[in-house]
Amino acid sequence: MNLKISKWKNAAQAPVVFVIDDLANIYIKKTTSTTLQIGEDWGHSAHDKNSMWNFLNTNLLEKFPHIKSTFLLVTGQRTGMTKDASYTYNQAMDGDEKFIKFLQYLQKHPNVELAYHGTTHGKAGETVQDFLQEWETFNTLEEAVNTTKQGKKLFKSVLGKEPQGGKYCGYKEGKYGKDSIEKSGFKWWSYHEDNHIWDKNSTDPRYKYDLEFIQGVVNIPTTVDASNLSLKVINKLFTRKYLKSIYLYLKEKKTVERHIDSLYYNSEVISIYEHTSPYMTTEQIQYPNIITDIENLNLIFSLLSKKDIWYATCDELADYFIDREKTALIITGEKQFKLTANKNLNSELTLTFHNHNNTYALHDNDDNFLAEFKSKKEVCYVTYPFKIDYNYKIIEVKSRS
């Protein structure tokens, strides 16, 4: 029996994570209206009408309830892009009770993970070009680690636990990025803007489409920039983003659909990333963002809903990868096995074997039924919270007619 540990949970063809930057206790007024308008909120407005969360729920998450979202949280007061720029409202994550309760609501949400995205996001200069992303501001490794640990401490004071992962601000690691992430005790991190190999240099060794360990931390790539518009989103026809999409198609036959299909059929990570708001303290729009890209997001997730995928948070993805990589499958007899590792498992692993005639069940060594194997094309699979060094059996239940 060719029993093995599946690359992805439930023997899915590929995993999908939805990562959203810059959740923060901020809103930035861009209109003369006295009421909150769509796009002005970064998270402060919680459940209010036209808030970031209200917009995302109404226009995407309620339509695709299997989506799991990882929000990257700025723990302190986020700095403006220039010294003379300011947000309409800007507080740390513990700055008011409304935001604290909103964060606690998100933390309890079964489809949401909160992760780390710095304390201030960076340091403002005289111009936008002078802005330094947070990890670029650290002059020593000690400073990088201490600042990060302070940010994690604030996170824990509000939410009761430390963040398990995060991402560099602006994908800029500075001199001490990798070492500081390792020493700060993170399980996973998004190190690079890996979607660049979609439209830039595919030979750059930094960029990956799959998971890997970097100094013991799981690197979760960011592979899909959702502001790369599908040509089917015709209401964006005369925008620069749409014209760029036409250019890439005419020149290199590249489309976001083909990119996702390539990731999918190669069983690589489909990591879709966005921002909470289009508005910065400058007059520029930040891309990608959930407001501008909402039609494209609907198209992307509509395509994914027809595929064999595993929706996961970054933490769930990291747990499965760690357990998969650190665990060995030992065949102990005819349709008998055990798993060995130097640690307990944090996730449910999936085991598979090729079969298209019979049905099977998982039993323990005392012949107690544990779970039924499911079938997918010519593969039988079972997902179960296996114990290390525990003996299991695979029992044939019946032949399929």
Protein backbone atom coordinates (compact mmCIF):
# COMPACT_ATOMS: atom_id res chain seq x y z
CA MET A 1 0.00 0.00 0.00
CA ASN A 2 1.54 3.32 -1.10
CA LEU A 3 0.51 5.17 2.05
CA LYS A 4 1.98 8.67 2.46
CA ILE A 5 1.48 11.99 4.21
CA SER A 6 -0.41 14.34 1.91
CA LYS A 7 1.25 17.58 0.88
CA TRP A 8 -1.86 19.51 1.89
CA LYS A 9 -4.72 18.96 4.30
CA ASN A 10 -7.66 16.87 3.04
CA ALA A 11 -5.52 15.91 0.03
CA ALA A 12 -6.34 19.28 -1.52
CA GLN A 13 -4.60 20.28 -4.72
CA ALA A 14 -3.46 23.60 -3.24
CA PRO A 15 -3.96 25.83 -0.18
CA VAL A 16 -5.41 29.34 -0.28
CA VAL A 17 -4.62 32.08 2.26
CA PHE A 18 -6.05 35.61 2.17
CA VAL A 19 -3.70 38.11 3.82
CA ILE A 20 -4.69 41.72 4.50
CA ASP A 21 -2.16 44.38 5.54
CA ASP A 22 -2.40 47.29 7.90
CA LEU A 23 -5.30 46.51 10.17
CA ALA A 24 -4.93 49.48 12.51
CA ASN A 25 -6.85 51.74 14.88
CA ILE A 26 -7.14 54.37 12.14
CA TYR A 27 -9.50 56.14 9.84
CA ILE A 28 -8.59 58.84 7.35
CA LYS A 29 -11.23 61.29 6.20
CA LYS A 30 -11.08 61.85 2.44
CA THR A 31 -14.53 63.33 1.79
CA THR A 32 -16.55 66.25 3.11
CA SER A 33 -19.32 63.94 4.28
CA THR A 34 -19.96 63.88 8.03
CA THR A 35 -20.50 60.12 7.90
CA LEU A 36 -17.97 57.39 7.29
CA GLN A 37 -17.49 56.62 3.61
CA ILE A 38 -16.25 53.37 2.08
CA GLY A 39 -12.46 53.17 2.09
CA GLU A 40 -11.83 55.68 4.89
CA ASP A 41 -11.56 53.07 7.64
CA TRP A 42 -8.48 50.95 8.39
CA GLY A 43 -10.19 49.07 11.24
CA HIS A 44 -11.10 51.66 13.89
CA SER A 45 -14.75 51.79 12.82
CA ALA A 46 -15.25 48.11 13.67
CA HIS A 47 -18.79 46.99 12.72
CA ASP A 48 -20.09 50.43 11.66
CA LYS A 49 -21.75 50.93 8.30
CA ASN A 50 -19.12 51.45 5.58
CA SER A 51 -16.32 50.25 7.88
CA MET A 52 -13.57 48.09 6.46
CA TRP A 53 -15.03 44.97 8.10
CA ASN A 54 -18.60 45.81 7.06
CA PHE A 55 -17.51 46.36 3.44
CA LEU A 56 -15.41 43.19 3.28
CA ASN A 57 -18.12 41.05 4.84
CA THR A 58 -20.94 42.37 2.70
CA ASN A 59 -19.07 42.32 -0.59
CA LEU A 60 -16.91 39.20 -0.28
CA LEU A 61 -16.83 37.07 2.87
CA GLU A 62 -20.59 36.45 3.07
CA LYS A 63 -20.55 35.33 -0.58
CA PHE A 64 -17.63 32.95 0.01
CA PRO A 65 -18.00 31.77 3.62
CA HIS A 66 -15.10 29.30 3.40
CA ILE A 67 -12.51 32.08 3.02
CA LYS A 68 -10.08 32.37 5.92
CA SER A 69 -8.39 35.72 6.47
CA THR A 70 -5.11 36.65 8.13
CA PHE A 71 -5.07 40.32 9.17
CA LEU A 72 -1.66 41.91 9.75
CA LEU A 73 -2.02 44.27 12.69
CA VAL A 74 0.01 47.42 13.40
CA THR A 75 0.15 47.36 17.20
CA GLY A 76 1.13 50.96 17.95
CA GLN A 77 0.30 54.35 16.42
CA ARG A 78 1.10 54.08 12.74
CA THR A 79 3.26 56.88 11.43
CA GLY A 80 2.25 58.97 8.42
CA MET A 81 4.14 58.79 5.15
CA THR A 82 5.65 62.25 5.68
CA LYS A 83 6.39 64.33 8.79
CA ASP A 84 3.63 66.84 8.09
CA ALA A 85 0.97 64.23 7.32
CA SER A 86 -1.51 62.81 9.81
CA TYR A 87 -4.50 60.49 10.00
CA THR A 88 -7.91 61.79 11.03
CA TYR A 89 -7.87 59.29 13.90
CA ASN A 90 -4.81 57.27 14.90
CA GLN A 91 -4.31 55.29 18.09
CA ALA A 92 -2.48 52.18 19.20
CA MET A 93 -4.36 48.88 19.31
CA ASP A 94 -5.22 49.52 22.97
CA GLY A 95 -6.16 53.16 22.36
CA ASP A 96 -9.92 52.81 22.85
CA GLU A 97 -12.43 50.25 24.03
CA LYS A 98 -14.23 50.06 20.68
CA PHE A 99 -11.15 48.84 18.83
CA ILE A 100 -10.13 46.50 21.65
CA LYS A 101 -13.55 44.81 21.52
CA PHE A 102 -13.35 44.61 17.72
CA LEU A 103 -9.95 42.91 17.87
CA GLN A 104 -11.25 40.47 20.47
CA TYR A 105 -14.22 39.73 18.20
CA LEU A 106 -11.89 39.04 15.27
CA GLN A 107 -9.66 36.82 17.40
CA LYS A 108 -12.66 34.62 18.29
CA HIS A 109 -13.90 34.49 14.69
CA PRO A 110 -13.38 30.95 13.34
CA ASN A 111 -12.20 32.22 9.93
CA VAL A 112 -9.85 34.99 11.09
CA GLU A 113 -6.28 35.15 12.34
CA LEU A 114 -4.54 38.25 13.70
CA ALA A 115 -0.82 38.53 12.99
CA TYR A 116 1.99 41.05 13.46
CA HIS A 117 2.90 43.99 11.23
CA GLY A 118 5.17 46.17 13.31
CA THR A 119 4.66 48.87 15.93
CA THR A 120 4.63 52.10 13.88
CA HIS A 121 5.26 50.70 10.37
CA GLY A 122 8.23 52.99 9.96
CA LYS A 123 9.68 56.47 10.22
CA ALA A 124 8.43 59.47 8.24
CA GLY A 125 10.73 61.78 6.31
CA GLU A 126 10.30 65.10 4.54
CA THR A 127 8.97 63.37 1.42
CA VAL A 128 7.37 59.99 0.66
CA GLN A 129 10.66 58.86 -0.84
CA ASP A 130 12.35 59.49 2.53
CA PHE A 131 9.99 57.15 4.40
CA LEU A 132 11.77 54.23 6.08
CA GLN A 133 9.87 51.00 6.67
CA GLU A 134 10.08 49.74 10.26
CA TRP A 135 12.78 47.09 9.86
CA GLU A 136 14.89 49.60 7.90
CA THR A 137 15.02 51.88 10.97
CA PHE A 138 16.79 49.44 13.27
CA ASN A 139 20.46 50.21 13.87
CA THR A 140 21.27 47.03 15.78
CA LEU A 141 19.90 43.50 16.09
CA GLU A 142 19.15 44.20 19.75
CA GLU A 143 17.02 47.21 18.79
CA ALA A 144 15.12 45.16 16.20
CA VAL A 145 14.42 42.35 18.66
CA ASN A 146 13.48 44.63 21.57
CA THR A 147 11.07 46.71 19.46
CA THR A 148 9.45 43.58 18.04
CA LYS A 149 9.09 42.05 21.49
CA GLN A 150 7.48 45.26 22.75
CA GLY A 151 5.01 45.07 19.88
CA LYS A 152 4.26 41.43 20.69
CA LYS A 153 3.81 42.32 24.37
CA LEU A 154 1.19 44.96 23.50
CA PHE A 155 -0.54 42.45 21.22
CA LYS A 156 -0.69 39.94 24.10
CA SER A 157 -1.94 42.52 26.61
CA VAL A 158 -5.05 43.06 24.47
CA LEU A 159 -5.60 39.60 23.02
CA GLY A 160 -4.18 37.28 25.66
CA LYS A 161 -1.65 35.58 23.37
CA GLU A 162 1.28 36.55 21.23
CA PRO A 163 1.05 36.63 17.42
CA GLN A 164 2.41 33.50 15.77
CA GLY A 165 3.60 35.21 12.59
CA GLY A 166 3.64 38.36 10.53
CA LYS A 167 5.25 40.30 7.73
CA TYR A 168 7.88 43.00 7.30
CA CYS A 169 6.45 46.45 6.74
CA GLY A 170 6.75 47.16 3.03
CA TYR A 171 8.58 43.82 2.62
CA LYS A 172 11.76 45.65 3.67
CA GLU A 173 13.88 43.49 6.00
CA GLY A 174 16.70 45.96 6.63
CA LYS A 175 19.99 44.67 8.01
CA TYR A 176 18.55 42.60 10.83
CA GLY A 177 15.28 41.23 9.47
CA LYS A 178 15.86 37.47 9.36
CA ASP A 179 17.86 37.35 12.59
CA SER A 180 15.31 39.46 14.47
CA ILE A 181 12.39 37.32 13.31
CA GLU A 182 14.17 34.15 14.42
CA LYS A 183 15.12 35.60 17.81
CA SER A 184 11.63 37.06 18.38
CA GLY A 185 10.12 33.59 18.42
CA PHE A 186 7.79 33.68 15.42
CA LYS A 187 6.49 30.44 13.92
CA TRP A 188 5.90 31.86 10.42
CA TRP A 189 6.72 35.00 8.46
CA SER A 190 6.11 36.43 5.01
CA TYR A 191 9.60 37.43 3.93
CA HIS A 192 9.25 38.43 0.27
CA GLU A 193 6.84 39.89 -2.25
CA ASP A 194 6.99 36.67 -4.23
CA ASN A 195 4.40 37.70 -6.82
CA HIS A 196 7.22 39.68 -8.48
CA ILE A 197 8.25 36.52 -10.30
CA TRP A 198 4.89 36.74 -12.05
CA ASP A 199 5.84 39.92 -13.82
CA LYS A 200 9.55 40.41 -13.14
CA ASN A 201 12.59 38.13 -12.88
CA SER A 202 11.62 34.49 -12.47
CA THR A 203 15.24 33.49 -11.82
CA ASP A 204 15.56 35.56 -8.63
CA PRO A 205 16.37 32.98 -5.91
CA ARG A 206 14.63 35.00 -3.17
CA TYR A 207 11.18 34.37 -4.57
CA LYS A 208 9.26 31.16 -3.96
CA TYR A 209 5.82 29.81 -4.65
CA ASP A 210 6.02 27.16 -1.93
CA LEU A 211 6.70 26.92 1.79
CA GLU A 212 10.21 26.68 3.20
CA PHE A 213 12.11 27.20 6.44
CA ILE A 214 14.22 30.35 6.81
CA GLN A 215 16.34 30.10 9.97
CA GLY A 216 13.75 27.77 11.46
CA VAL A 217 10.77 30.01 10.66
CA VAL A 218 8.20 28.98 8.04
CA ASN A 219 8.26 31.35 5.08
CA ILE A 220 4.75 31.84 3.68
CA PRO A 221 5.05 33.41 0.23
CA THR A 222 2.75 36.12 -1.09
CA THR A 223 2.01 34.92 -4.60
CA VAL A 224 -1.07 36.78 -5.86
CA ASP A 225 -1.37 40.57 -5.96
CA ALA A 226 -5.13 41.03 -6.29
CA SER A 227 -4.70 44.39 -8.03
CA ASN A 228 -3.47 42.50 -11.10
CA LEU A 229 -6.86 42.69 -12.73
CA SER A 230 -8.62 40.08 -14.76
CA LEU A 231 -9.54 41.32 -18.22
CA LYS A 232 -13.09 40.27 -17.34
CA VAL A 233 -13.38 43.13 -14.82
CA ILE A 234 -14.53 45.50 -17.53
CA ASN A 235 -15.76 48.25 -15.19
CA LYS A 236 -12.04 49.04 -14.65
CA LEU A 237 -11.50 49.31 -18.39
CA PHE A 238 -9.93 52.78 -18.44
CA THR A 239 -7.80 52.46 -15.32
CA ARG A 240 -4.01 52.13 -15.29
CA LYS A 241 -4.28 48.77 -13.57
CA TYR A 242 -6.50 47.43 -16.35
CA LEU A 243 -4.25 48.82 -19.07
CA LYS A 244 -1.28 47.12 -17.37
CA SER A 245 -3.23 43.84 -17.46
CA ILE A 246 -3.89 44.29 -21.19
CA TYR A 247 -0.21 45.03 -21.78
CA LEU A 248 0.90 41.87 -19.92
CA TYR A 249 -1.59 39.77 -21.84
CA LEU A 250 -0.63 41.14 -25.26
CA LYS A 251 3.11 40.99 -24.58
CA GLU A 252 3.48 37.78 -22.57
CA LYS A 253 0.02 36.15 -22.50
CA LYS A 254 -0.08 36.63 -18.73
CA THR A 255 -3.38 36.87 -16.87
CA VAL A 256 -4.26 36.52 -13.19
CA GLU A 257 -6.35 33.46 -14.09
CA ARG A 258 -3.38 31.74 -15.74
CA HIS A 259 -1.17 32.64 -12.80
CA ILE A 260 -3.61 31.10 -10.31
CA ASP A 261 -4.03 28.01 -12.50
CA SER A 262 -0.26 27.58 -12.60
CA LEU A 263 -0.01 27.78 -8.80
CA TYR A 264 -2.95 25.40 -8.45
CA TYR A 265 -1.83 22.68 -10.85
CA ASN A 266 1.68 22.75 -9.37
CA SER A 267 0.23 22.37 -5.83
CA GLU A 268 1.83 25.65 -4.74
CA VAL A 269 0.61 28.25 -2.27
CA ILE A 270 -2.11 30.59 -3.51
CA SER A 271 -1.52 33.52 -1.15
CA ILE A 272 -3.73 36.49 -2.05
CA TYR A 273 -2.76 39.76 -0.41
CA GLU A 274 -4.50 43.09 0.02
CA HIS A 275 -4.66 46.29 2.10
CA THR A 276 -7.57 47.38 4.28
CA SER A 277 -7.89 50.82 2.65
CA PRO A 278 -6.93 52.59 -0.57
CA TYR A 279 -6.09 55.82 1.26
CA MET A 280 -2.74 56.91 2.67
CA THR A 281 -1.74 60.23 4.25
CA THR A 282 -0.50 61.29 0.82
CA GLU A 283 -2.67 61.80 -2.24
CA GLN A 284 -1.56 58.43 -3.58
CA ILE A 285 -3.70 55.29 -3.62
CA GLN A 286 -2.06 52.18 -2.16
CA TYR A 287 -2.42 49.00 -4.19
CA PRO A 288 -3.59 46.39 -3.73
CA ASN A 289 -6.62 47.30 -1.59
CA ILE A 290 -9.94 45.58 -0.93
CA ILE A 291 -12.02 48.55 -2.10
CA THR A 292 -10.54 49.05 -5.56
CA ASP A 293 -10.04 45.33 -6.11
CA ILE A 294 -13.37 44.00 -4.84
CA GLU A 295 -14.66 42.93 -8.28
CA ASN A 296 -11.36 41.21 -8.99
CA LEU A 297 -11.46 39.47 -5.61
CA ASN A 298 -14.95 38.18 -6.33
CA LEU A 299 -13.78 36.80 -9.66
CA ILE A 300 -10.69 35.18 -8.11
CA PHE A 301 -12.62 33.48 -5.32
CA SER A 302 -15.35 32.44 -7.74
CA LEU A 303 -12.69 30.64 -9.78
CA LEU A 304 -11.20 29.08 -6.65
CA SER A 305 -14.59 27.90 -5.40
CA LYS A 306 -14.70 25.46 -8.33
CA LYS A 307 -11.28 23.97 -7.48
CA ASP A 308 -10.05 21.40 -4.99
CA ILE A 309 -8.49 23.76 -2.45
CA TRP A 310 -7.85 24.08 1.26
CA TYR A 311 -8.80 27.46 2.77
CA ALA A 312 -6.42 28.19 5.66
CA THR A 313 -5.02 30.94 7.83
CA CYS A 314 -1.26 31.41 7.69
CA ASP A 315 -0.93 29.82 11.13
CA GLU A 316 -2.89 26.72 10.06
CA LEU A 317 -0.76 26.44 6.94
CA ALA A 318 2.45 26.75 8.97
CA ASP A 319 1.32 24.14 11.51
CA TYR A 320 0.52 21.60 8.79
CA PHE A 321 3.82 22.24 7.01
CA ILE A 322 5.86 21.88 10.22
CA ASP A 323 4.10 18.66 11.18
CA ARG A 324 4.39 17.28 7.65
CA GLU A 325 8.10 18.03 7.44
CA LYS A 326 8.98 16.86 10.96
CA THR A 327 6.98 13.62 10.90
CA ALA A 328 7.98 10.25 9.48
CA LEU A 329 5.48 7.59 8.43
CA ILE A 330 6.60 4.09 9.47
CA ILE A 331 4.92 1.01 7.98
CA THR A 332 4.78 -1.60 10.77
CA GLY A 333 2.85 -4.38 9.03
CA GLU A 334 0.21 -5.19 6.43
CA LYS A 335 -1.91 -2.01 6.38
CA GLN A 336 -0.46 -1.00 9.74
CA PHE A 337 1.61 2.08 10.53
CA LYS A 338 2.67 4.69 13.05
CA LEU A 339 3.95 8.25 12.90
CA THR A 340 7.19 9.31 14.56
CA ALA A 341 8.46 12.79 15.38
CA ASN A 342 10.43 14.54 18.10
CA LYS A 343 7.38 16.59 19.13
CA ASN A 344 3.62 16.38 19.42
CA LEU A 345 1.56 17.38 16.39
CA ASN A 346 -0.25 20.74 16.30
CA SER A 347 -2.43 19.93 13.30
CA GLU A 348 -4.50 17.16 11.82
CA LEU A 349 -2.40 15.43 9.19
CA THR A 350 -3.86 13.82 6.07
CA LEU A 351 -2.75 10.39 4.86
CA THR A 352 -3.43 9.16 1.34
CA PHE A 353 -3.04 6.12 -0.87
CA HIS A 354 -4.13 5.31 -4.42
CA ASN A 355 -7.23 3.15 -4.71
CA HIS A 356 -10.42 3.25 -6.75
CA ASN A 357 -12.19 0.01 -5.89
CA ASN A 358 -12.66 -0.37 -2.13
CA THR A 359 -13.61 1.68 0.93
CA TYR A 360 -11.52 1.77 4.09
CA ALA A 361 -11.58 2.88 7.71
CA LEU A 362 -8.92 3.93 10.20
CA HIS A 363 -8.71 1.86 13.40
CA ASP A 364 -6.42 1.83 16.39
CA ASN A 365 -4.43 -1.21 17.45
CA ASP A 366 -7.36 -2.46 19.56
CA ASP A 367 -9.60 -2.44 16.47
CA ASN A 368 -11.58 0.61 17.59
CA PHE A 369 -12.99 2.63 14.68
CA LEU A 370 -11.49 6.12 14.44
CA ALA A 371 -12.42 7.61 11.06
CA GLU A 372 -13.55 6.71 7.56
CA PHE A 373 -11.32 7.19 4.56
CA LYS A 374 -12.83 9.49 1.96
CA SER A 375 -12.37 9.17 -1.78
CA LYS A 376 -11.23 11.76 -4.29
CA LYS A 377 -10.73 10.57 -7.85
CA GLU A 378 -8.31 7.65 -7.44
CA VAL A 379 -7.12 8.67 -3.97
CA CYS A 380 -8.35 7.55 -0.57
CA TYR A 381 -7.55 9.95 2.26
CA VAL A 382 -8.16 10.43 5.95
CA THR A 383 -7.55 13.54 8.06
CA TYR A 384 -7.12 12.78 11.73
CA PRO A 385 -5.39 14.10 14.91
CA PHE A 386 -2.77 11.36 14.90
CA LYS A 387 -0.68 10.65 17.98
CA ILE A 388 3.05 10.13 17.76
CA ASP A 389 4.32 6.54 18.17
CA TYR A 390 0.78 5.18 18.27
CA ASN A 391 -0.15 2.12 16.22
CA TYR A 392 -2.90 2.40 13.61
CA LYS A 393 -4.59 -0.01 11.16
CA ILE A 394 -6.32 0.47 7.84
CA ILE A 395 -9.32 -1.86 7.55
CA GLU A 396 -11.07 -2.66 4.28
CA VAL A 397 -14.76 -2.01 4.79
CA LYS A 398 -16.29 -3.17 1.53
CA SER A 399 -15.81 -3.25 -2.22
CA ARG A 400 -17.50 -0.63 -4.32
CA SER A 401 -20.04 -1.93 -6.77
